[in-house]
Amino acid sequence: MDNLAFKEPPRVERIEGKTYLMSPRPRVSHNRVAFRIAHIFANYLEGKTCEAFADGTDVHLDKDNTYIPDAMIVCDSSIIHDDGIYGAPDLVVEVLSPSTIQNDRGPKMRHYAAAGVKEYWVVSPIGRSVEVYYNENGIFQLDAAYTDYSDWDLERMDDDERKAIREEIPVSLYKDFCVNVKEVFKDIAKK
């Protein structure tokens, strides 16, 4: 018989008043990318006002929308409580999974923007890409996409295409904070 005292409650998100069980568990590549981003954020933010959070922290936007982003940065310490974040983080990262892609690009994206999240990253471990969106009047607008290209792809590009590749993702919260796209996908096998 299972010891129920040692079972964790299921991870759930509330989207537009409906509760969704967060399953199946993410793949290893998903966890590696999410952890790496949170780690990069935490290292840069050491000793600064803003704070990085990794997967597992609830974000309560309102009574109908509670999410668990893969990583985030919060600069307003007054919204940080022991049981989660109550209000809009400054930057939110969602790492795509086949079972969550529709919500990450749909209602969650809309609600994060409406709540005042300044910057939203949609990360694809399979595509080895990071899309960066900035909030413009309550709507996210795509600023740029960053890709960690395989050697096969790079060999097929001409010089101008290779020169146009952006390798550093600027974090809008700090002028000197950039994340190297290769570092994000460092332990993910290239296809």
Protein backbone atom coordinates (compact mmCIF):
# COMPACT_ATOMS: atom_id res chain seq x y z
CA MET A 1 0.00 0.00 0.00
CA ASP A 2 1.29 3.47 -0.89
CA ASN A 3 2.11 5.88 1.91
CA LEU A 4 -0.09 8.85 1.03
CA ALA A 5 1.85 11.13 3.39
CA PHE A 6 4.75 11.06 0.93
CA LYS A 7 2.74 11.79 -2.21
CA GLU A 8 3.00 15.28 -3.59
CA PRO A 9 -0.19 17.01 -4.68
CA PRO A 10 -0.53 17.06 -8.47
CA ARG A 11 0.83 20.08 -10.30
CA VAL A 12 -2.02 22.06 -11.81
CA GLU A 13 -2.52 25.28 -13.71
CA ARG A 14 -5.72 27.29 -13.83
CA ILE A 15 -6.42 28.73 -17.28
CA GLU A 16 -9.48 30.88 -17.79
CA GLY A 17 -11.16 29.33 -14.75
CA LYS A 18 -10.48 25.71 -15.80
CA THR A 19 -8.02 23.51 -13.90
CA TYR A 20 -5.48 21.53 -15.95
CA LEU A 21 -3.33 18.73 -14.60
CA MET A 22 0.30 19.27 -15.61
CA SER A 23 1.04 15.88 -17.13
CA PRO A 24 2.78 14.04 -18.55
CA ARG A 25 6.02 15.05 -16.88
CA PRO A 26 8.33 17.01 -19.19
CA ARG A 27 11.10 15.33 -21.15
CA VAL A 28 14.70 15.61 -20.02
CA SER A 29 15.49 18.10 -22.80
CA HIS A 30 12.66 20.34 -21.56
CA ASN A 31 14.01 20.24 -18.00
CA ARG A 32 17.59 20.87 -19.10
CA VAL A 33 16.63 23.96 -21.09
CA ALA A 34 14.36 25.34 -18.35
CA PHE A 35 16.99 24.72 -15.66
CA ARG A 36 19.77 26.25 -17.75
CA ILE A 37 17.76 29.44 -18.39
CA ALA A 38 16.81 29.79 -14.70
CA HIS A 39 20.46 29.17 -13.74
CA ILE A 40 21.72 31.82 -16.18
CA PHE A 41 19.14 34.27 -14.84
CA ALA A 42 20.03 33.52 -11.20
CA ASN A 43 23.78 33.91 -11.80
CA TYR A 44 23.35 37.29 -13.47
CA LEU A 45 20.84 38.57 -10.89
CA GLU A 46 22.97 37.66 -7.84
CA GLY A 47 23.06 40.80 -5.66
CA LYS A 48 20.58 42.71 -7.85
CA THR A 49 17.02 43.81 -7.09
CA CYS A 50 15.32 41.34 -9.43
CA GLU A 51 15.10 37.64 -8.57
CA ALA A 52 15.04 34.53 -10.76
CA PHE A 53 12.65 31.65 -10.17
CA ALA A 54 12.70 28.16 -11.67
CA ASP A 55 9.91 25.77 -12.59
CA GLY A 56 7.64 24.95 -9.66
CA THR A 57 6.64 28.43 -8.50
CA ASP A 58 2.99 29.34 -8.99
CA VAL A 59 2.11 32.67 -10.58
CA HIS A 60 -1.33 33.92 -9.54
CA LEU A 61 -2.36 36.48 -12.15
CA ASP A 62 -6.00 36.58 -11.02
CA LYS A 63 -8.67 34.20 -9.66
CA ASP A 64 -9.04 32.46 -13.04
CA ASN A 65 -5.40 32.25 -14.11
CA THR A 66 -2.63 30.57 -12.13
CA TYR A 67 0.38 29.33 -14.06
CA ILE A 68 3.67 27.54 -13.39
CA PRO A 69 6.21 29.06 -15.79
CA ASP A 70 9.43 27.22 -16.56
CA ALA A 71 11.50 30.23 -15.47
CA MET A 72 10.85 33.86 -14.63
CA ILE A 73 12.30 37.07 -13.29
CA VAL A 74 10.45 39.14 -10.68
CA CYS A 75 11.64 42.66 -9.83
CA ASP A 76 8.80 43.72 -7.48
CA SER A 77 9.49 41.91 -4.19
CA SER A 78 6.04 42.86 -2.85
CA ILE A 79 4.39 40.27 -5.12
CA ILE A 80 6.61 37.43 -3.86
CA HIS A 81 4.86 35.32 -1.20
CA ASP A 82 5.77 31.98 0.32
CA ASP A 83 3.15 30.16 -1.75
CA GLY A 84 3.86 31.88 -5.07
CA ILE A 85 3.96 35.10 -7.04
CA TYR A 86 0.81 37.26 -6.84
CA GLY A 87 0.90 39.53 -9.85
CA ALA A 88 2.86 39.84 -13.06
CA PRO A 89 6.51 38.77 -13.19
CA ASP A 90 8.70 41.03 -15.32
CA LEU A 91 9.90 38.23 -17.61
CA VAL A 92 8.32 34.80 -18.14
CA VAL A 93 9.81 31.79 -19.94
CA GLU A 94 7.66 28.94 -21.22
CA VAL A 95 9.49 25.93 -22.67
CA LEU A 96 7.25 24.19 -25.19
CA SER A 97 6.04 20.64 -24.75
CA PRO A 98 3.69 18.89 -27.19
CA SER A 99 0.95 18.86 -24.54
CA THR A 100 1.27 22.57 -23.61
CA ILE A 101 2.11 24.38 -26.85
CA GLN A 102 -1.45 25.52 -27.54
CA ASN A 103 -1.87 27.05 -24.08
CA ASP A 104 1.64 28.57 -24.02
CA ARG A 105 1.05 30.36 -27.34
CA GLY A 106 -2.64 31.04 -26.71
CA PRO A 107 -4.43 31.93 -23.49
CA LYS A 108 -1.36 31.96 -21.26
CA MET A 109 0.43 34.33 -23.60
CA ARG A 110 -2.62 36.64 -23.74
CA HIS A 111 -3.09 36.66 -19.96
CA TYR A 112 0.59 37.27 -19.22
CA ALA A 113 0.50 40.26 -21.58
CA ALA A 114 -2.76 41.65 -20.19
CA ALA A 115 -1.41 41.30 -16.62
CA GLY A 116 1.66 43.38 -17.49
CA VAL A 117 4.49 40.87 -18.03
CA LYS A 118 7.10 42.96 -19.90
CA GLU A 119 8.93 40.18 -21.73
CA TYR A 120 7.86 36.65 -22.74
CA TRP A 121 10.12 33.90 -24.07
CA VAL A 122 8.76 30.90 -25.94
CA VAL A 123 11.49 28.27 -26.08
CA SER A 124 11.51 25.20 -28.32
CA PRO A 125 13.97 22.46 -27.32
CA ILE A 126 13.19 20.56 -30.54
CA GLY A 127 13.68 23.62 -32.77
CA ARG A 128 16.53 24.91 -30.59
CA SER A 129 14.96 28.36 -30.74
CA VAL A 130 13.92 31.20 -28.47
CA GLU A 131 11.22 33.65 -29.52
CA VAL A 132 11.29 36.91 -27.56
CA TYR A 133 8.12 38.97 -27.25
CA TYR A 134 7.79 42.45 -25.73
CA ASN A 135 4.59 43.82 -24.25
CA GLU A 136 3.11 46.68 -26.23
CA ASN A 137 -0.08 48.02 -24.66
CA GLY A 138 -1.14 44.67 -23.22
CA ILE A 139 -0.30 42.59 -26.31
CA PHE A 140 2.92 40.67 -26.95
CA GLN A 141 4.72 41.54 -30.16
CA LEU A 142 7.49 39.31 -31.50
CA ASP A 143 10.79 41.19 -31.26
CA ALA A 144 13.16 38.51 -32.54
CA ALA A 145 13.79 34.78 -32.81
CA TYR A 146 17.12 33.20 -31.93
CA THR A 147 18.20 29.75 -33.13
CA ASP A 148 21.11 27.49 -32.29
CA TYR A 149 21.79 26.16 -35.77
CA SER A 150 23.31 22.76 -36.46
CA ASP A 151 26.55 22.45 -38.40
CA TRP A 152 24.49 20.95 -41.25
CA ASP A 153 22.35 24.11 -41.40
CA LEU A 154 25.34 26.44 -41.13
CA GLU A 155 27.14 24.69 -44.00
CA ARG A 156 24.17 25.32 -46.27
CA MET A 157 23.98 29.05 -45.51
CA ASP A 158 25.79 31.71 -47.46
CA ASP A 159 28.07 34.23 -45.73
CA ASP A 160 25.33 36.87 -45.42
CA GLU A 161 22.93 34.39 -43.80
CA ARG A 162 25.58 33.31 -41.30
CA LYS A 163 26.45 36.94 -40.47
CA ALA A 164 22.76 37.68 -39.80
CA ILE A 165 22.51 35.02 -37.09
CA ARG A 166 21.84 36.51 -33.67
CA GLU A 167 23.62 34.57 -30.94
CA GLU A 168 23.00 36.88 -27.97
CA ILE A 169 19.50 37.32 -26.55
CA PRO A 170 19.23 40.71 -24.83
CA VAL A 171 17.19 40.72 -21.62
CA SER A 172 15.28 44.01 -21.66
CA LEU A 173 15.36 44.44 -17.86
CA TYR A 174 19.10 45.26 -17.83
CA LYS A 175 21.21 46.97 -20.49
CA ASP A 176 24.20 44.65 -20.00
CA PHE A 177 22.35 41.32 -19.69
CA CYS A 178 22.49 38.99 -22.69
CA VAL A 179 21.97 35.24 -22.85
CA ASN A 180 23.93 33.21 -25.39
CA VAL A 181 21.55 31.00 -27.37
CA LYS A 182 24.16 28.23 -27.61
CA GLU A 183 24.40 28.20 -23.81
CA VAL A 184 20.63 27.69 -23.53
CA PHE A 185 20.79 24.51 -25.64
CA LYS A 186 24.27 23.35 -24.58
CA ASP A 187 23.27 19.85 -23.42
CA ILE A 188 20.58 19.21 -26.01
CA ALA A 189 21.54 16.93 -28.89
CA LYS A 190 21.42 18.56 -32.31
CA LYS A 191 19.44 16.69 -34.93
